[in-house]
Amino acid sequence: MLLKRTLFAVFIAFSLLALCLNATPVPRCSSKASVNLMDTLGGNVTFEQTRELIVTLGGRFSENIETNNPDDYFIQIGEEITSTFSFRKMDVEIKPPGTSHFSYPLYGRLGLYAGRDLKR
């Protein structure tokens, strides 16, 4: 009888702990695409899940691109853990004051990129 009470008390304690910590599963991204607006460059960047482990980064900018040198421009994804891609690496064609449409494949799932901060 003592074992049943102990097990019941442990079960209740863990249940209350879970409620207090508001334990929820890690959210998964259920959509196929995510769009990030980049107002200072007059455009947006779209992340689209094109295959199981391939996300395509695509977009076009129409403002504030001042030089033709693709080494001068980067897209940085994330704050703490970052990924940085130069316009040269992504083969972005620059046409000041903007760019042509570009598309670049990234490894992973959309949830890795959707909702992360972007910097230029």
N, C-alpha and C. Protein backbone atom coordinates (compact mmCIF):
# COMPACT_ATOMS: atom_id res chain seq x y z
N MET A 1 0.82 -1.20 0.00
CA MET A 1 0.00 0.00 0.00
C MET A 1 0.86 1.26 0.00
N LEU A 2 1.97 1.19 0.74
CA LEU A 2 2.88 2.33 0.80
C LEU A 2 3.49 2.62 -0.57
N LEU A 3 3.79 1.58 -1.34
CA LEU A 3 4.36 1.74 -2.67
C LEU A 3 3.37 2.44 -3.60
N LYS A 4 2.09 2.12 -3.50
CA LYS A 4 1.07 2.76 -4.34
C LYS A 4 0.97 4.25 -4.02
N ARG A 5 0.99 4.59 -2.72
CA ARG A 5 0.91 6.00 -2.33
C ARG A 5 2.14 6.77 -2.81
N THR A 6 3.32 6.15 -2.72
CA THR A 6 4.55 6.80 -3.16
C THR A 6 4.53 7.04 -4.67
N LEU A 7 4.13 6.03 -5.42
CA LEU A 7 4.04 6.19 -6.88
C LEU A 7 3.02 7.26 -7.26
N PHE A 8 1.90 7.27 -6.56
CA PHE A 8 0.87 8.27 -6.83
C PHE A 8 1.39 9.67 -6.51
N ALA A 9 2.11 9.82 -5.40
CA ALA A 9 2.66 11.12 -5.02
C ALA A 9 3.72 11.59 -6.03
N VAL A 10 4.55 10.68 -6.51
CA VAL A 10 5.55 11.03 -7.51
C VAL A 10 4.87 11.44 -8.82
N PHE A 11 3.84 10.73 -9.20
CA PHE A 11 3.09 11.07 -10.41
C PHE A 11 2.48 12.47 -10.30
N ILE A 12 1.87 12.78 -9.18
CA ILE A 12 1.26 14.09 -8.96
C ILE A 12 2.34 15.18 -8.98
N ALA A 13 3.48 14.90 -8.34
CA ALA A 13 4.56 15.89 -8.29
C ALA A 13 5.07 16.21 -9.69
N PHE A 14 5.29 15.20 -10.51
CA PHE A 14 5.76 15.43 -11.88
C PHE A 14 4.70 16.13 -12.73
N SER A 15 3.45 15.81 -12.49
CA SER A 15 2.37 16.49 -13.22
C SER A 15 2.33 17.97 -12.89
N LEU A 16 2.45 18.28 -11.62
CA LEU A 16 2.45 19.70 -11.21
C LEU A 16 3.70 20.42 -11.73
N LEU A 17 4.82 19.74 -11.73
CA LEU A 17 6.04 20.33 -12.26
C LEU A 17 5.88 20.65 -13.75
N ALA A 18 5.30 19.73 -14.47
CA ALA A 18 5.08 19.96 -15.90
C ALA A 18 4.14 21.14 -16.13
N LEU A 19 3.11 21.25 -15.32
CA LEU A 19 2.18 22.37 -15.45
C LEU A 19 2.85 23.70 -15.09
N CYS A 20 3.65 23.68 -14.03
CA CYS A 20 4.33 24.91 -13.60
C CYS A 20 5.34 25.38 -14.63
N LEU A 21 6.02 24.47 -15.27
CA LEU A 21 7.02 24.83 -16.26
C LEU A 21 6.41 25.10 -17.63
N ASN A 22 5.11 24.88 -17.73
CA ASN A 22 4.39 25.07 -18.99
C ASN A 22 5.08 24.29 -20.10
N ALA A 23 5.33 23.04 -19.84
CA ALA A 23 6.03 22.18 -20.79
C ALA A 23 5.18 21.97 -22.03
N THR A 24 5.71 22.43 -23.15
CA THR A 24 5.03 22.25 -24.43
C THR A 24 6.05 21.70 -25.42
N PRO A 25 5.60 20.98 -26.41
CA PRO A 25 6.54 20.47 -27.41
C PRO A 25 7.12 21.61 -28.24
N VAL A 26 8.28 21.39 -28.81
CA VAL A 26 8.92 22.38 -29.67
C VAL A 26 8.04 22.57 -30.91
N PRO A 27 7.69 23.81 -31.23
CA PRO A 27 6.82 24.03 -32.39
C PRO A 27 7.53 23.65 -33.68
N ARG A 28 6.78 23.08 -34.59
CA ARG A 28 7.30 22.74 -35.90
C ARG A 28 6.66 23.64 -36.93
N CYS A 29 7.41 23.96 -37.92
CA CYS A 29 6.89 24.79 -39.00
C CYS A 29 6.10 23.89 -39.94
N SER A 30 4.83 24.22 -40.12
CA SER A 30 3.99 23.35 -40.94
C SER A 30 3.74 23.91 -42.34
N SER A 31 4.21 25.12 -42.61
CA SER A 31 3.98 25.69 -43.92
C SER A 31 5.11 25.32 -44.88
N LYS A 32 4.95 25.69 -46.12
CA LYS A 32 5.94 25.38 -47.16
C LYS A 32 6.84 26.57 -47.47
N ALA A 33 6.50 27.77 -46.97
CA ALA A 33 7.31 28.95 -47.28
C ALA A 33 7.21 29.98 -46.16
N SER A 34 8.24 30.82 -46.06
CA SER A 34 8.28 31.91 -45.10
C SER A 34 8.84 33.13 -45.82
N VAL A 35 8.21 34.30 -45.63
CA VAL A 35 8.63 35.52 -46.30
C VAL A 35 9.12 36.51 -45.25
N ASN A 36 10.30 37.09 -45.48
CA ASN A 36 10.85 38.10 -44.60
C ASN A 36 10.99 39.39 -45.40
N LEU A 37 10.33 40.46 -44.94
CA LEU A 37 10.41 41.75 -45.62
C LEU A 37 11.69 42.45 -45.23
N MET A 38 12.35 43.06 -46.18
CA MET A 38 13.56 43.83 -45.93
C MET A 38 13.32 45.22 -46.51
N ASP A 39 12.64 46.06 -45.72
CA ASP A 39 12.20 47.37 -46.20
C ASP A 39 13.35 48.27 -46.65
N THR A 40 14.51 48.22 -45.95
CA THR A 40 15.59 49.12 -46.31
C THR A 40 16.16 48.81 -47.70
N LEU A 41 15.95 47.59 -48.16
CA LEU A 41 16.42 47.22 -49.50
C LEU A 41 15.28 47.15 -50.51
N GLY A 42 14.08 47.49 -50.08
CA GLY A 42 12.94 47.50 -50.99
C GLY A 42 12.62 46.15 -51.57
N GLY A 43 12.62 45.14 -50.75
CA GLY A 43 12.32 43.80 -51.26
C GLY A 43 12.03 42.83 -50.14
N ASN A 44 12.09 41.56 -50.47
CA ASN A 44 11.87 40.53 -49.47
C ASN A 44 12.70 39.31 -49.81
N VAL A 45 12.84 38.46 -48.81
CA VAL A 45 13.53 37.19 -48.96
C VAL A 45 12.53 36.10 -48.62
N THR A 46 12.44 35.10 -49.47
CA THR A 46 11.52 33.99 -49.27
C THR A 46 12.30 32.70 -49.04
N PHE A 47 11.91 31.98 -48.00
CA PHE A 47 12.46 30.65 -47.77
C PHE A 47 11.36 29.66 -48.14
N GLU A 48 11.66 28.74 -49.04
CA GLU A 48 10.66 27.77 -49.50
C GLU A 48 11.23 26.36 -49.43
N GLN A 49 10.46 25.46 -48.80
CA GLN A 49 10.87 24.06 -48.72
C GLN A 49 10.61 23.44 -50.08
N THR A 50 11.69 23.17 -50.84
CA THR A 50 11.52 22.67 -52.20
C THR A 50 11.68 21.15 -52.27
N ARG A 51 12.49 20.58 -51.41
CA ARG A 51 12.62 19.13 -51.28
C ARG A 51 12.71 18.81 -49.80
N GLU A 52 12.81 17.54 -49.47
CA GLU A 52 12.76 17.16 -48.07
C GLU A 52 13.80 17.88 -47.21
N LEU A 53 15.03 17.96 -47.63
CA LEU A 53 16.07 18.62 -46.85
C LEU A 53 16.70 19.80 -47.58
N ILE A 54 15.95 20.40 -48.51
CA ILE A 54 16.44 21.56 -49.25
C ILE A 54 15.45 22.71 -49.10
N VAL A 55 15.95 23.84 -48.63
CA VAL A 55 15.18 25.08 -48.55
C VAL A 55 15.78 26.04 -49.55
N THR A 56 14.97 26.66 -50.37
CA THR A 56 15.46 27.62 -51.36
C THR A 56 15.28 29.03 -50.82
N LEU A 57 16.39 29.77 -50.78
CA LEU A 57 16.39 31.18 -50.40
C LEU A 57 16.27 31.97 -51.68
N GLY A 58 15.24 32.77 -51.81
CA GLY A 58 15.04 33.54 -53.02
C GLY A 58 14.58 34.95 -52.71
N GLY A 59 14.74 35.84 -53.66
CA GLY A 59 14.28 37.21 -53.44
C GLY A 59 14.73 38.15 -54.52
N ARG A 60 14.46 39.41 -54.27
CA ARG A 60 14.84 40.49 -55.19
C ARG A 60 14.80 41.78 -54.40
N PHE A 61 15.79 42.65 -54.62
CA PHE A 61 15.83 43.94 -53.95
C PHE A 61 15.79 45.04 -54.99
N SER A 62 15.19 46.19 -54.62
CA SER A 62 15.05 47.27 -55.59
C SER A 62 15.59 48.61 -55.09
N GLU A 63 16.17 48.67 -53.88
CA GLU A 63 16.65 49.94 -53.33
C GLU A 63 17.97 49.76 -52.58
N ASN A 64 18.72 50.84 -52.48
CA ASN A 64 19.90 50.97 -51.62
C ASN A 64 21.06 50.01 -51.92
N ILE A 65 21.10 49.45 -53.09
CA ILE A 65 22.28 48.70 -53.54
C ILE A 65 23.08 49.69 -54.36
N GLU A 66 24.26 50.10 -53.84
CA GLU A 66 24.97 51.23 -54.43
C GLU A 66 26.15 50.85 -55.32
N THR A 67 26.76 49.68 -55.10
CA THR A 67 27.91 49.30 -55.92
C THR A 67 27.62 48.01 -56.66
N ASN A 68 28.39 47.75 -57.71
CA ASN A 68 28.23 46.52 -58.48
C ASN A 68 29.01 45.35 -57.91
N ASN A 69 29.73 45.55 -56.81
CA ASN A 69 30.58 44.52 -56.25
C ASN A 69 29.78 43.58 -55.33
N PRO A 70 29.57 42.32 -55.73
CA PRO A 70 28.79 41.41 -54.90
C PRO A 70 29.47 41.04 -53.59
N ASP A 71 30.78 41.31 -53.46
CA ASP A 71 31.47 41.04 -52.20
C ASP A 71 31.11 42.06 -51.12
N ASP A 72 30.47 43.16 -51.50
CA ASP A 72 30.08 44.18 -50.53
C ASP A 72 28.77 43.86 -49.81
N TYR A 73 28.04 42.83 -50.25
CA TYR A 73 26.70 42.57 -49.72
C TYR A 73 26.57 41.13 -49.24
N PHE A 74 25.90 41.00 -48.10
CA PHE A 74 25.69 39.70 -47.46
C PHE A 74 24.28 39.63 -46.93
N ILE A 75 23.79 38.41 -46.76
CA ILE A 75 22.56 38.18 -46.00
C ILE A 75 22.97 37.31 -44.82
N GLN A 76 22.67 37.81 -43.62
CA GLN A 76 22.97 37.07 -42.39
C GLN A 76 21.67 36.60 -41.80
N ILE A 77 21.60 35.31 -41.49
CA ILE A 77 20.39 34.71 -40.93
C ILE A 77 20.67 34.37 -39.48
N GLY A 78 19.86 34.90 -38.58
CA GLY A 78 19.98 34.58 -37.17
C GLY A 78 20.81 35.57 -36.39
N GLU A 79 20.69 35.49 -35.06
CA GLU A 79 21.41 36.37 -34.15
C GLU A 79 22.53 35.64 -33.44
N GLU A 80 22.18 34.64 -32.63
CA GLU A 80 23.18 33.92 -31.84
C GLU A 80 23.96 32.92 -32.71
N ILE A 81 23.24 32.08 -33.39
CA ILE A 81 23.86 31.14 -34.33
C ILE A 81 23.54 31.68 -35.71
N THR A 82 24.56 32.09 -36.43
CA THR A 82 24.31 32.78 -37.69
C THR A 82 24.82 31.99 -38.89
N SER A 83 24.21 32.26 -39.99
CA SER A 83 24.68 31.79 -41.29
C SER A 83 24.79 33.04 -42.16
N THR A 84 25.91 33.22 -42.81
CA THR A 84 26.12 34.40 -43.63
C THR A 84 26.41 33.97 -45.06
N PHE A 85 25.71 34.60 -46.00
CA PHE A 85 25.85 34.28 -47.41
C PHE A 85 26.14 35.55 -48.18
N SER A 86 27.25 35.57 -48.91
CA SER A 86 27.57 36.75 -49.72
C SER A 86 26.77 36.70 -51.01
N PHE A 87 26.55 37.88 -51.57
CA PHE A 87 25.87 37.93 -52.85
C PHE A 87 26.68 37.20 -53.91
N ARG A 88 28.02 37.23 -53.79
CA ARG A 88 28.86 36.51 -54.75
C ARG A 88 28.60 35.01 -54.64
N LYS A 89 28.58 34.48 -53.42
CA LYS A 89 28.35 33.05 -53.22
C LYS A 89 26.99 32.62 -53.76
N MET A 90 25.99 33.50 -53.59
CA MET A 90 24.64 33.18 -54.05
C MET A 90 24.45 33.53 -55.52
N ASP A 91 25.51 34.07 -56.17
CA ASP A 91 25.47 34.45 -57.58
C ASP A 91 24.33 35.43 -57.88
N VAL A 92 24.23 36.46 -57.01
CA VAL A 92 23.21 37.50 -57.18
C VAL A 92 23.72 38.53 -58.18
N GLU A 93 22.95 38.80 -59.20
CA GLU A 93 23.30 39.81 -60.20
C GLU A 93 22.84 41.17 -59.69
N ILE A 94 23.79 42.07 -59.52
CA ILE A 94 23.49 43.40 -59.00
C ILE A 94 23.25 44.36 -60.15
N LYS A 95 22.13 45.09 -60.05
CA LYS A 95 21.76 46.12 -61.01
C LYS A 95 21.35 47.34 -60.21
N PRO A 96 22.32 48.20 -59.80
CA PRO A 96 21.98 49.33 -58.93
C PRO A 96 20.79 50.10 -59.47
N PRO A 97 19.85 50.45 -58.63
CA PRO A 97 19.88 50.43 -57.17
C PRO A 97 19.37 49.12 -56.55
N GLY A 98 19.28 48.04 -57.32
CA GLY A 98 18.74 46.79 -56.78
C GLY A 98 19.46 45.58 -57.33
N THR A 99 18.74 44.47 -57.36
CA THR A 99 19.29 43.21 -57.86
C THR A 99 18.27 42.55 -58.78
N SER A 100 18.73 41.59 -59.53
CA SER A 100 17.79 40.74 -60.26
C SER A 100 17.26 39.70 -59.27
N HIS A 101 16.28 38.92 -59.68
CA HIS A 101 15.77 37.87 -58.81
C HIS A 101 16.86 36.83 -58.61
N PHE A 102 16.98 36.33 -57.38
CA PHE A 102 17.99 35.32 -57.09
C PHE A 102 17.36 34.14 -56.35
N SER A 103 18.03 33.01 -56.44
CA SER A 103 17.58 31.79 -55.80
C SER A 103 18.82 31.01 -55.39
N TYR A 104 18.83 30.53 -54.14
CA TYR A 104 20.01 29.82 -53.63
C TYR A 104 19.54 28.68 -52.73
N PRO A 105 20.02 27.45 -52.98
CA PRO A 105 19.59 26.32 -52.15
C PRO A 105 20.35 26.25 -50.82
N LEU A 106 19.62 25.95 -49.75
CA LEU A 106 20.20 25.77 -48.43
C LEU A 106 19.84 24.38 -47.92
N TYR A 107 20.70 23.79 -47.13
CA TYR A 107 20.43 22.48 -46.56
C TYR A 107 19.59 22.64 -45.29
N GLY A 108 18.60 21.80 -45.12
CA GLY A 108 17.81 21.80 -43.89
C GLY A 108 16.33 21.84 -44.14
N ARG A 109 15.61 22.08 -43.07
CA ARG A 109 14.16 22.20 -43.12
C ARG A 109 13.77 23.65 -42.92
N LEU A 110 12.59 24.01 -43.36
CA LEU A 110 12.11 25.38 -43.29
C LEU A 110 12.12 25.92 -41.87
N GLY A 111 11.85 25.07 -40.88
CA GLY A 111 11.83 25.52 -39.49
C GLY A 111 13.15 26.09 -39.01
N LEU A 112 14.26 25.72 -39.66
CA LEU A 112 15.56 26.27 -39.29
C LEU A 112 15.69 27.73 -39.68
N TYR A 113 14.97 28.15 -40.70
CA TYR A 113 15.13 29.49 -41.25
C TYR A 113 13.92 30.40 -41.02
N ALA A 114 12.74 29.84 -40.94
CA ALA A 114 11.52 30.64 -40.82
C ALA A 114 11.52 31.39 -39.49
N GLY A 115 11.19 32.66 -39.54
CA GLY A 115 11.07 33.46 -38.34
C GLY A 115 12.37 33.93 -37.75
N ARG A 116 13.51 33.64 -38.36
CA ARG A 116 14.80 34.11 -37.84
C ARG A 116 15.07 35.50 -38.34
N ASP A 117 15.82 36.25 -37.57
CA ASP A 117 16.18 37.61 -37.97
C ASP A 117 17.12 37.60 -39.16
N LEU A 118 16.88 38.53 -40.06
CA LEU A 118 17.75 38.70 -41.22
C LEU A 118 18.42 40.05 -41.15
N LYS A 119 19.67 40.09 -41.54
CA LYS A 119 20.38 41.37 -41.64
C LYS A 119 21.01 41.45 -43.01
N ARG A 120 21.19 42.66 -43.46
CA ARG A 120 21.85 42.84 -44.76
C ARG A 120 23.26 43.27 -44.57
